[in-house]
Amino acid sequence: MRGAPKSRHSDGNVSEDSEDTEIVVNIGGVRQVLYGALLNRYPDTRLAELAKCSSGGYDSIFSLCDDYDPGRKEFYFDRDPDSFKCIIDVYYFGEIHMKKGICPICFQNEMEFWKIDISFLDECCKSSLSEKKDELQEIANKVQLILDDLGGDPTADRWQKCQKYIWKLMEKPDSSLPARVIAVLSFLFILISSVVMCVGTIPDLQIEDDEGNRVEHPTLDAIETTCIGWFTVEYILRLISSPNKLQFAMAFMNVIDVLAILPFYVSLTLTILGNTMMELTTVQQAVQALRIMRIARIFKLARHSSGLQTLTYALKRSFKELGLLLMYLAVGIFVFSALGYTMEQSHPETLFKSIPQSFWWAIITMTTVGYGDIYPKTTLGKCNAAISFLCGVIAIALPIHPIINNFVKYYNKQKVLETAAKHELDLMELHSQQAHALKGSSRRKSYKQGSDSEAGCSSNLRLAHSDTYIPLLSDTKQHRTRLQSCK
C-alpha cells in the first residue's frame, strides 16, 4: 500500500519493495510526491533517509523533518519551496542549476540542509556563489574594521593608544570631527599646491634673480613651502602611527606621497650644495627636472575621492579591453601608414618621407585628432585617410562599453557594501539589545511556572533564525548577522 512504512531486513537494509514506496513532502506549503526508486539514487541525502526511516518511529522522523502528519503521511519542512524545486533536479538529472533571484549563499545552506554535495551544482552557478562569498567577506572585513575602531584594547599601553588615535585621526575621516577637519585641510592643501604650481609658470608673475634668470615669485614660493611642510608632517604622522610600517611604505598611494614631497627637498639640497659640488648649470637643470615631478601631488586627490579610486579599479579590471584597443590601433597604424607612404610617393611634394615618419600621421588620424601638419595630397591617399579614421573610430568605440560597465559595477558594489556594513552594525546592536532583554526576561521568569516554556520558545527562535543569520565575523565576537545580499 502506498504511504505505508517500508519493511526492513534484520541487517537494517531497505527491502526490494521499498523501491515502490512514495512519500509526500510539504515544502513551505507546496506539496510534492516523491518515490523511493528516485530518492535511492542518492541514499545519503535527507529525503532518501526520510524514505528509509518511515518505520523507525517518530524520533527518527522528527530528526529529519519539522513536522509529520501520520493521518495523511505527510512530512512538513519549513524551507524555501523555490530552492527545493531546483534541488530536486539532482534526483532527475544529476546536477543542479540555481534560478534567478535566489541568493547563492542561501541556496548553499539549502543544499547543506538536504545533504546534497556542492559538487552537484553546475559550474556557472558555482562562480556566482564564489562572487557572493567574496562580497560577504568584504562586508565582514569592513564591519571588523569598524568594530576594531570602536572597541579599544584594554591591554594596550599609553603609546599604543596614542598611536591608534593618531592613525584614526589621519586615515579615517568618518571617525571624528577633528579627523574630518584634517581630511578637508589636506584636500585644500593639495588644491592650493597644484594651483600654485600652475600659476608659478606665468611669465608675468615671475621675477628675475641676480643672474637674470626668471624664477617663481617669493610669495608663491612661500605658499609652496607651507604646502610641502603640511604634506611632510602628514606623511610622518601616518608612518609613525601605521600598524604595519613596511606595508604602509610599499602602498601605491603612499609612494605617490613620497614622490610629491621628495623633489622639494632634493632640489633644496642641490641648490644649497650645488655651488661647491657641481656646476651651476647642472644644478639648475636637475632642479628643473625635479620640479616637474611636482605634478605627482595631483594624484594625492585619489586618497580623498572615491570616484578616482573607482576609476583606477575600473582601469585595472579593464586591462584586457585596453590591450585589445592598443592592439587594434597598433595594427591599423602600421597598415595605414605603410599604405599612405606607398600611395603618396607619386606626388612630387609628398609629406610622407618614410613609413616610421608616417606613424605620426596614422596615430593622429585614427584617433581623430588631425593636427594637419602631415596630410595626403593624392586621391588614393585621401581615400586611405578616410578609411583609416573610420576604422579608428570603430576600434576606439568597441572596448568603451566594457570599461564603463566595469566602472559602474564597481562603483555600485562599493555603495552596496558600505550600506551593508552599516546595516550589519545596526543589526548587531539590535541583536545585542534583544539578547540582554531576553536574558533579563528569562531571569525574571525563572521563578515562575512558565520558565520551561520560555526556554523552549528561545530555542525555537534560534532555530528559526539559523537560516537567515550567518556568522560573518569570528566566533570570539559572538555576533550573528543577517545576509544583506538576500534582500
Protein backbone atom coordinates (compact mmCIF):
# COMPACT_ATOMS: atom_id res chain seq x y z
CA MET A 1 0.00 0.00 0.00
CA ARG A 2 1.35 3.43 -0.93
CA GLY A 3 2.33 5.57 2.02
CA ALA A 4 2.84 2.55 4.33
CA PRO A 5 6.10 2.25 6.24
CA LYS A 6 8.82 0.35 4.45
CA SER A 7 9.75 -3.13 5.61
CA ARG A 8 13.34 -3.77 6.67
CA HIS A 9 15.56 -6.84 6.89
CA SER A 10 17.31 -7.76 10.12
CA ASP A 11 20.51 -6.06 8.95
CA GLY A 12 18.75 -2.69 8.62
CA ASN A 13 18.76 -2.52 4.79
CA VAL A 14 15.64 -1.47 2.91
CA SER A 15 13.81 -4.35 1.23
CA GLU A 16 13.30 -4.50 -2.51
CA ASP A 17 9.62 -3.47 -2.34
CA SER A 18 10.74 -0.14 -0.80
CA GLU A 19 11.57 1.00 -4.32
CA ASP A 20 7.81 1.46 -4.91
CA THR A 21 7.29 3.45 -1.69
CA GLU A 22 6.19 7.05 -2.07
CA ILE A 23 6.48 9.89 0.39
CA VAL A 24 4.58 13.17 0.44
CA VAL A 25 6.60 16.24 1.40
CA ASN A 26 5.26 19.72 2.07
CA ILE A 27 7.92 22.37 1.47
CA GLY A 28 6.71 25.75 2.68
CA GLY A 29 3.10 24.96 1.66
CA VAL A 30 3.99 23.26 -1.65
CA ARG A 31 3.15 19.52 -1.70
CA GLN A 32 5.11 17.08 -3.79
CA VAL A 33 5.03 13.32 -4.12
CA LEU A 34 8.37 11.51 -4.39
CA TYR A 35 9.12 7.84 -4.93
CA GLY A 36 11.70 5.68 -3.24
CA ALA A 37 13.17 4.47 -6.52
CA LEU A 38 14.02 8.08 -7.35
CA LEU A 39 15.34 9.06 -3.93
CA ASN A 40 17.53 5.98 -3.51
CA ARG A 41 19.75 7.19 -6.33
CA TYR A 42 21.48 9.28 -3.65
CA PRO A 43 20.96 7.33 -0.41
CA ASP A 44 22.96 9.79 1.75
CA THR A 45 20.58 12.69 1.18
CA ARG A 46 17.93 13.77 3.69
CA LEU A 47 14.98 12.73 1.51
CA ALA A 48 16.43 9.26 0.96
CA GLU A 49 16.96 8.88 4.72
CA LEU A 50 13.40 10.06 5.28
CA ALA A 51 12.08 7.39 2.93
CA LYS A 52 14.04 4.74 4.85
CA CYS A 53 13.03 5.80 8.37
CA SER A 54 9.23 5.66 7.94
CA SER A 55 9.10 2.56 10.15
CA GLY A 56 11.72 3.77 12.58
CA GLY A 57 9.40 5.67 14.91
CA TYR A 58 8.64 9.33 15.44
CA ASP A 59 12.02 10.13 16.95
CA SER A 60 13.87 9.27 13.78
CA ILE A 61 11.23 11.03 11.63
CA PHE A 62 11.30 14.29 13.60
CA SER A 63 15.10 14.29 13.46
CA LEU A 64 14.80 14.75 9.69
CA CYS A 65 11.71 16.99 9.26
CA ASP A 66 9.96 19.81 11.08
CA ASP A 67 6.57 18.11 11.44
CA TYR A 68 4.74 14.95 10.42
CA ASP A 69 1.05 14.14 9.88
CA PRO A 70 0.57 10.39 10.41
CA GLY A 71 -3.02 10.52 9.07
CA ARG A 72 -2.01 11.97 5.72
CA LYS A 73 1.52 10.53 5.95
CA GLU A 74 2.86 13.93 5.00
CA PHE A 75 6.26 15.36 6.02
CA TYR A 76 6.48 19.12 6.61
CA PHE A 77 9.56 21.29 6.07
CA ASP A 78 9.77 25.00 6.82
CA ARG A 79 12.12 25.62 3.89
CA ASP A 80 12.18 27.67 0.69
CA PRO A 81 9.97 25.98 -1.95
CA ASP A 82 11.67 27.79 -4.85
CA SER A 83 15.07 26.46 -3.81
CA PHE A 84 13.62 22.97 -3.36
CA LYS A 85 12.36 23.00 -6.95
CA CYS A 86 15.97 23.43 -8.06
CA ILE A 87 17.39 20.93 -5.58
CA ILE A 88 15.01 18.15 -6.57
CA ASP A 89 16.56 18.25 -10.06
CA VAL A 90 19.57 16.37 -8.74
CA TYR A 91 17.46 13.21 -8.47
CA TYR A 92 16.27 13.54 -12.06
CA PHE A 93 19.27 14.98 -13.91
CA GLY A 94 22.25 14.55 -11.58
CA GLU A 95 23.02 18.29 -11.48
CA ILE A 96 21.54 21.47 -10.05
CA HIS A 97 21.03 24.93 -11.52
CA MET A 98 20.02 27.95 -9.45
CA LYS A 99 17.14 30.07 -10.65
CA LYS A 100 17.49 33.82 -10.94
CA GLY A 101 16.56 35.75 -7.81
CA ILE A 102 17.81 33.09 -5.37
CA CYS A 103 20.68 34.08 -3.12
CA PRO A 104 23.66 31.77 -3.76
CA ILE A 105 24.61 31.64 -0.06
CA CYS A 106 21.06 30.75 0.99
CA PHE A 107 20.94 28.15 -1.77
CA GLN A 108 24.15 26.62 -0.46
CA ASN A 109 22.55 26.44 3.00
CA GLU A 110 19.56 24.69 1.45
CA MET A 111 21.84 22.15 -0.20
CA GLU A 112 23.56 21.51 3.11
CA PHE A 113 20.18 21.01 4.81
CA TRP A 114 19.07 18.48 2.22
CA LYS A 115 22.53 16.83 2.50
CA ILE A 116 23.42 17.31 -1.15
CA ASP A 117 27.07 17.83 -2.01
CA ILE A 118 28.08 21.15 -3.52
CA SER A 119 29.75 19.30 -6.42
CA PHE A 120 26.30 18.74 -7.97
CA LEU A 121 25.99 22.49 -8.52
CA ASP A 122 26.77 23.50 -12.10
CA GLU A 123 29.93 25.49 -12.80
CA CYS A 124 28.06 28.62 -13.87
CA CYS A 125 26.26 28.68 -10.53
CA LYS A 126 29.46 27.98 -8.59
CA SER A 127 31.01 31.16 -9.97
CA SER A 128 28.03 33.16 -8.73
CA LEU A 129 28.42 31.51 -5.32
CA SER A 130 32.11 32.40 -5.24
CA GLU A 131 31.38 36.06 -6.06
CA LYS A 132 28.77 36.24 -3.31
CA LYS A 133 31.19 34.75 -0.79
CA ASP A 134 33.76 37.38 -1.75
CA GLU A 135 31.16 40.11 -1.19
CA LEU A 136 30.31 38.69 2.22
CA GLN A 137 33.97 38.59 3.11
CA GLU A 138 34.36 42.23 2.11
CA ILE A 139 31.37 43.14 4.27
CA ALA A 140 32.87 41.19 7.15
CA ASN A 141 36.20 42.98 6.73
CA LYS A 142 34.50 46.39 6.71
CA VAL A 143 32.49 45.51 9.81
CA GLN A 144 35.58 44.16 11.54
CA LEU A 145 37.50 47.36 10.83
CA ILE A 146 34.66 49.46 12.24
CA LEU A 147 34.45 47.26 15.34
CA ASP A 148 38.20 47.49 15.84
CA ASP A 149 37.94 51.27 15.68
CA LEU A 150 35.04 51.39 18.12
CA GLY A 151 36.49 48.98 20.64
CA GLY A 152 39.81 49.58 22.36
CA ASP A 153 42.32 47.02 23.54
CA PRO A 154 42.34 47.11 27.37
CA THR A 155 45.89 45.66 27.44
CA ALA A 156 47.34 48.44 25.24
CA ASP A 157 49.75 50.89 26.85
CA ARG A 158 49.60 54.67 26.54
CA TRP A 159 51.78 54.84 23.41
CA GLN A 160 49.71 52.21 21.61
CA LYS A 161 46.51 54.07 22.43
CA CYS A 162 48.07 57.32 21.21
CA GLN A 163 49.30 55.61 18.05
CA LYS A 164 45.84 54.25 17.32
CA TYR A 165 44.27 57.66 17.95
CA ILE A 166 46.68 59.35 15.51
CA TRP A 167 46.04 56.64 12.90
CA LYS A 168 42.26 57.17 13.12
CA LEU A 169 42.81 60.92 13.02
CA MET A 170 44.88 60.80 9.82
CA GLU A 171 43.35 57.83 7.97
CA LYS A 172 39.65 57.65 8.95
CA PRO A 173 37.83 60.94 8.31
CA ASP A 174 34.49 59.49 9.44
CA SER A 175 35.79 58.54 12.89
CA SER A 176 35.51 62.02 14.45
CA LEU A 177 35.08 65.73 13.74
CA PRO A 178 38.85 66.54 14.05
CA ALA A 179 39.63 63.74 11.59
CA ARG A 180 37.13 65.20 9.15
CA VAL A 181 38.66 68.65 9.53
CA ILE A 182 42.15 67.27 8.85
CA ALA A 183 40.89 65.50 5.72
CA VAL A 184 39.37 68.74 4.43
CA LEU A 185 42.57 70.66 5.16
CA SER A 186 44.66 68.05 3.36
CA PHE A 187 42.36 68.29 0.36
CA LEU A 188 42.64 72.09 0.33
CA PHE A 189 46.44 71.98 0.59
CA ILE A 190 46.57 69.65 -2.42
CA LEU A 191 44.43 72.02 -4.46
CA ILE A 192 46.41 75.10 -3.38
CA SER A 193 49.72 73.41 -4.16
CA SER A 194 48.50 72.36 -7.61
CA VAL A 195 47.20 75.84 -8.38
CA VAL A 196 50.46 77.46 -7.21
CA MET A 197 52.46 75.10 -9.40
CA CYS A 198 50.44 76.16 -12.44
CA VAL A 199 50.32 79.88 -11.63
CA GLY A 200 54.08 79.96 -11.00
CA THR A 201 54.75 79.27 -14.67
CA ILE A 202 53.02 82.51 -15.83
CA PRO A 203 55.80 84.86 -17.07
CA ASP A 204 54.08 87.99 -15.73
CA LEU A 205 54.15 86.57 -12.19
CA GLN A 206 57.82 85.57 -12.31
CA ILE A 207 60.77 87.71 -11.23
CA GLU A 208 64.45 87.80 -12.24
CA ASP A 209 67.17 86.71 -9.87
CA ASP A 210 70.64 88.23 -9.55
CA GLU A 211 71.84 86.34 -12.62
CA GLY A 212 68.96 87.38 -14.84
CA ASN A 213 67.12 84.05 -14.72
CA ARG A 214 63.35 84.09 -14.30
CA VAL A 215 62.20 82.34 -11.13
CA GLU A 216 58.94 81.98 -9.23
CA HIS A 217 57.59 84.83 -7.15
CA PRO A 218 58.69 84.67 -3.46
CA THR A 219 55.06 84.66 -2.30
CA LEU A 220 54.26 81.62 -4.40
CA ASP A 221 57.48 80.01 -3.22
CA ALA A 222 56.42 80.57 0.41
CA ILE A 223 52.99 79.03 -0.22
CA GLU A 224 54.69 76.06 -1.88
CA THR A 225 56.98 75.62 1.13
CA THR A 226 53.99 75.72 3.50
CA CYS A 227 52.15 73.07 1.50
CA ILE A 228 55.22 70.82 1.42
CA GLY A 229 55.58 71.26 5.19
CA TRP A 230 51.99 70.10 5.67
CA PHE A 231 52.49 67.09 3.38
CA THR A 232 55.68 66.17 5.24
CA VAL A 233 54.10 66.33 8.70
CA GLU A 234 51.08 64.42 7.45
CA TYR A 235 53.20 61.62 5.97
CA ILE A 236 55.42 61.33 9.06
CA LEU A 237 52.41 61.09 11.40
CA ARG A 238 50.77 58.44 9.23
CA LEU A 239 54.03 56.48 9.01
CA ILE A 240 54.62 56.60 12.78
CA SER A 241 51.07 55.57 13.63
CA SER A 242 50.68 52.86 10.98
CA PRO A 243 50.28 49.31 12.36
CA ASN A 244 52.49 47.85 9.61
CA LYS A 245 55.32 50.18 8.60
CA LEU A 246 56.58 48.09 5.65
CA GLN A 247 53.13 47.61 4.16
CA PHE A 248 52.44 51.30 4.61
CA ALA A 249 55.65 52.33 2.84
CA MET A 250 55.02 49.97 -0.11
CA ALA A 251 51.40 51.06 -0.69
CA PHE A 252 50.85 52.76 -4.04
CA MET A 253 49.25 55.93 -2.70
CA ASN A 254 51.99 56.34 -0.09
CA VAL A 255 54.63 56.04 -2.80
CA ILE A 256 52.80 58.86 -4.60
CA ASP A 257 53.01 60.92 -1.42
CA VAL A 258 56.78 60.41 -1.26
CA LEU A 259 57.17 61.36 -4.93
CA ALA A 260 55.20 64.55 -4.27
CA ILE A 261 57.38 65.53 -1.30
CA LEU A 262 60.85 64.32 -2.22
CA PRO A 263 61.59 66.66 -5.18
CA PHE A 264 61.29 69.74 -2.97
CA TYR A 265 63.93 68.55 -0.52
CA VAL A 266 66.23 67.20 -3.23
CA SER A 267 66.08 70.46 -5.18
CA LEU A 268 66.64 72.44 -1.98
CA THR A 269 69.69 70.32 -1.18
CA LEU A 270 71.08 70.72 -4.71
CA THR A 271 70.54 74.47 -4.56
CA ILE A 272 72.40 74.81 -1.26
CA LEU A 273 75.28 72.46 -2.07
CA GLY A 274 75.34 72.88 -5.84
CA ASN A 275 77.91 75.68 -5.91
CA THR A 276 80.51 73.53 -4.22
CA MET A 277 79.71 70.08 -5.63
CA MET A 278 78.80 70.69 -9.27
CA GLU A 279 78.41 73.37 -11.90
CA LEU A 280 75.57 75.85 -11.60
CA THR A 281 74.10 74.90 -14.98
CA THR A 282 73.91 71.25 -13.98
CA VAL A 283 72.22 72.19 -10.70
CA GLN A 284 69.61 74.29 -12.48
CA GLN A 285 68.80 71.50 -14.93
CA ALA A 286 68.45 68.98 -12.10
CA VAL A 287 66.24 71.32 -10.09
CA GLN A 288 64.05 71.99 -13.12
CA ALA A 289 63.64 68.26 -13.76
CA LEU A 290 62.72 67.64 -10.13
CA ARG A 291 60.22 70.50 -10.07
CA ILE A 292 58.37 68.84 -12.95
CA MET A 293 57.81 65.85 -10.64
CA ARG A 294 55.54 68.05 -8.54
CA ILE A 295 52.69 67.03 -10.82
CA ALA A 296 52.61 63.75 -8.87
CA ARG A 297 50.86 65.52 -5.99
CA ILE A 298 47.66 65.80 -8.02
CA PHE A 299 47.33 62.03 -7.62
CA LYS A 300 47.01 62.61 -3.87
CA LEU A 301 43.43 63.64 -4.60
CA ALA A 302 42.63 59.95 -5.13
CA ARG A 303 43.05 59.46 -1.38
CA HIS A 304 40.06 61.73 -0.75
CA SER A 305 37.98 60.85 -3.81
CA SER A 306 36.08 57.58 -4.08
CA GLY A 307 35.37 58.39 -7.74
CA LEU A 308 39.08 58.44 -8.63
CA GLN A 309 39.62 55.21 -6.71
CA THR A 310 36.75 53.62 -8.60
CA LEU A 311 38.21 54.82 -11.91
CA THR A 312 41.59 53.32 -11.02
CA TYR A 313 39.99 49.98 -10.15
CA ALA A 314 37.93 50.03 -13.36
CA LEU A 315 41.08 50.56 -15.42
CA LYS A 316 42.80 47.70 -13.59
CA ARG A 317 39.86 45.42 -14.33
CA SER A 318 39.84 46.59 -17.95
CA PHE A 319 43.42 45.69 -18.87
CA LYS A 320 42.15 43.13 -21.36
CA GLU A 321 39.90 45.65 -23.13
CA LEU A 322 42.63 48.30 -23.10
CA GLY A 323 45.07 45.75 -24.51
CA LEU A 324 42.67 44.97 -27.34
CA LEU A 325 42.28 48.68 -28.05
CA LEU A 326 46.04 49.18 -28.26
CA MET A 327 46.38 46.11 -30.45
CA TYR A 328 43.71 47.34 -32.87
CA LEU A 329 45.33 50.77 -33.07
CA ALA A 330 48.82 49.31 -33.49
CA VAL A 331 47.73 47.12 -36.40
CA GLY A 332 45.83 49.99 -38.02
CA ILE A 333 48.71 52.43 -37.58
CA PHE A 334 51.17 50.05 -39.21
CA VAL A 335 48.86 49.17 -42.13
CA PHE A 336 47.59 52.67 -42.94
CA SER A 337 50.97 54.36 -42.52
CA ALA A 338 52.52 51.86 -44.94
CA LEU A 339 49.66 52.37 -47.43
CA GLY A 340 49.87 56.14 -47.06
CA TYR A 341 53.60 56.17 -47.69
CA THR A 342 53.21 53.97 -50.79
CA MET A 343 50.32 55.98 -52.27
CA GLU A 344 51.93 59.37 -51.69
CA GLN A 345 55.25 58.57 -53.35
CA SER A 346 53.92 59.59 -56.77
CA HIS A 347 53.31 63.16 -55.62
CA PRO A 348 56.36 65.47 -56.00
CA GLU A 349 55.56 67.44 -52.80
CA THR A 350 54.75 64.46 -50.63
CA LEU A 351 54.91 64.86 -46.85
CA PHE A 352 55.32 61.12 -46.26
CA LYS A 353 59.11 60.80 -46.21
CA SER A 354 59.24 57.32 -44.63
CA ILE A 355 56.99 54.71 -43.01
CA PRO A 356 58.20 55.46 -39.45
CA GLN A 357 57.50 59.14 -40.07
CA SER A 358 54.04 58.18 -41.35
CA PHE A 359 53.29 56.57 -37.97
CA TRP A 360 52.62 60.03 -36.54
CA TRP A 361 50.09 60.76 -39.31
CA ALA A 362 48.36 57.41 -38.75
CA ILE A 363 48.14 58.00 -34.97
CA ILE A 364 46.56 61.46 -35.18
CA THR A 365 44.25 60.27 -37.98
CA MET A 366 42.94 57.10 -36.32
CA THR A 367 42.38 58.95 -33.04
CA THR A 368 40.55 61.71 -35.00
CA VAL A 369 42.89 64.42 -33.71
CA GLY A 370 44.20 65.56 -37.11
CA TYR A 371 46.75 68.31 -36.49
CA GLY A 372 47.15 68.88 -40.21
CA ASP A 373 50.95 69.01 -40.17
CA ILE A 374 51.02 65.87 -42.34
CA TYR A 375 48.21 65.20 -44.81
CA PRO A 376 47.78 63.26 -48.08
CA LYS A 377 47.71 65.08 -51.43
CA THR A 378 46.79 62.28 -53.83
CA THR A 379 43.30 60.87 -54.38
CA LEU A 380 44.26 57.37 -53.25
CA GLY A 381 45.99 58.84 -50.20
CA LYS A 382 42.84 60.73 -49.23
CA CYS A 383 40.75 57.56 -49.59
CA ASN A 384 43.26 55.73 -47.40
CA ALA A 385 42.98 58.54 -44.81
CA ALA A 386 39.17 58.34 -44.83
CA ILE A 387 39.22 54.59 -44.26
CA SER A 388 41.85 54.96 -41.53
CA PHE A 389 39.89 57.40 -39.35
CA LEU A 390 36.66 55.39 -39.83
CA CYS A 391 38.47 52.28 -38.63
CA GLY A 392 39.96 54.30 -35.78
CA VAL A 393 36.52 55.40 -34.57
CA ILE A 394 35.29 51.82 -34.62
CA ALA A 395 38.41 50.50 -32.86
CA ILE A 396 38.12 53.08 -30.07
CA ALA A 397 34.38 52.64 -29.61
CA LEU A 398 34.42 48.84 -29.29
CA PRO A 399 36.06 48.44 -25.84
CA ILE A 400 34.46 51.56 -24.29
CA HIS A 401 31.28 49.80 -23.21
CA PRO A 402 33.00 47.06 -21.14
CA ILE A 403 35.20 49.67 -19.45
CA ILE A 404 32.15 51.76 -18.50
CA ASN A 405 30.39 48.64 -17.24
CA ASN A 406 33.36 47.81 -15.01
CA PHE A 407 33.31 51.33 -13.59
CA VAL A 408 29.56 51.33 -12.88
CA LYS A 409 29.65 47.80 -11.49
CA TYR A 410 32.46 48.51 -9.05
CA TYR A 411 31.02 51.89 -8.01
CA ASN A 412 27.59 50.39 -7.25
CA LYS A 413 29.22 47.47 -5.49
CA GLN A 414 31.15 49.77 -3.15
CA LYS A 415 27.99 51.68 -2.32
CA VAL A 416 26.13 48.44 -1.57
CA LEU A 417 28.98 47.13 0.59
CA GLU A 418 29.15 50.34 2.60
CA THR A 419 25.39 50.27 3.17
CA ALA A 420 25.50 46.59 4.06
CA ALA A 421 28.33 47.11 6.55
CA LYS A 422 26.39 49.89 8.30
CA HIS A 423 23.27 47.73 8.34
CA GLU A 424 25.27 44.87 9.84
CA LEU A 425 26.35 47.13 12.71
CA ASP A 426 22.76 48.24 13.31
CA LEU A 427 21.63 44.62 13.38
CA MET A 428 24.43 43.69 15.78
CA GLU A 429 23.36 46.42 18.16
CA LEU A 430 19.71 45.37 17.86
CA HIS A 431 20.52 41.70 18.46
CA SER A 432 22.65 42.63 21.44
CA GLN A 433 19.77 44.60 22.94
CA GLN A 434 17.34 41.76 22.27
CA ALA A 435 19.73 39.28 23.86
CA HIS A 436 20.02 41.41 27.01
CA ALA A 437 16.25 41.86 27.15
CA LEU A 438 15.62 38.14 26.63
CA LYS A 439 18.21 37.26 29.24
CA GLY A 440 16.60 39.61 31.77
CA SER A 441 13.16 38.26 30.94
CA SER A 442 14.38 34.69 31.43
CA ARG A 443 15.79 35.60 34.83
CA ARG A 444 12.51 37.19 35.92
CA LYS A 445 10.52 34.17 34.79
CA SER A 446 12.89 31.59 36.22
CA TYR A 447 10.87 31.55 39.45
CA LYS A 448 7.54 31.12 37.66
CA GLN A 449 5.86 28.11 36.11
CA GLY A 450 6.43 29.34 32.58
CA SER A 451 10.22 29.11 32.72
CA ASP A 452 10.33 25.82 30.79
CA SER A 453 8.07 27.11 28.03
CA GLU A 454 10.16 30.28 27.81
CA ALA A 455 13.32 28.24 27.29
CA GLY A 456 11.59 26.22 24.59
CA CYS A 457 10.46 29.40 22.85
CA SER A 458 14.01 30.76 22.96
CA SER A 459 15.35 27.53 21.45
CA ASN A 460 12.78 27.65 18.65
CA LEU A 461 13.68 31.27 17.99
CA ARG A 462 17.32 30.37 17.50
CA LEU A 463 16.39 27.51 15.21
CA ALA A 464 14.11 29.73 13.15
CA HIS A 465 16.91 32.28 12.70
CA SER A 466 19.55 29.74 11.78
CA ASP A 467 18.86 30.12 8.08
CA THR A 468 18.58 33.90 7.86
CA TYR A 469 21.50 34.79 10.13
CA ILE A 470 25.07 33.87 9.31
CA PRO A 471 28.29 34.45 11.25
CA LEU A 472 30.33 36.87 9.15
CA LEU A 473 32.79 37.64 11.92
CA SER A 474 34.91 35.38 14.08
CA ASP A 475 33.30 33.29 16.78
CA THR A 476 35.11 35.23 19.50
CA LYS A 477 32.96 38.26 18.70
CA GLN A 478 29.81 36.17 19.26
CA HIS A 479 27.82 38.13 16.69
CA ARG A 480 25.32 36.74 14.20
CA THR A 481 24.43 38.96 11.28
CA ARG A 482 21.83 38.96 8.53
CA LEU A 483 22.87 38.21 4.96
CA GLN A 484 22.43 41.52 3.20
CA SER A 485 22.65 40.07 -0.30
CA CYS A 486 19.41 38.15 0.25
CA LYS A 487 17.39 41.37 0.39
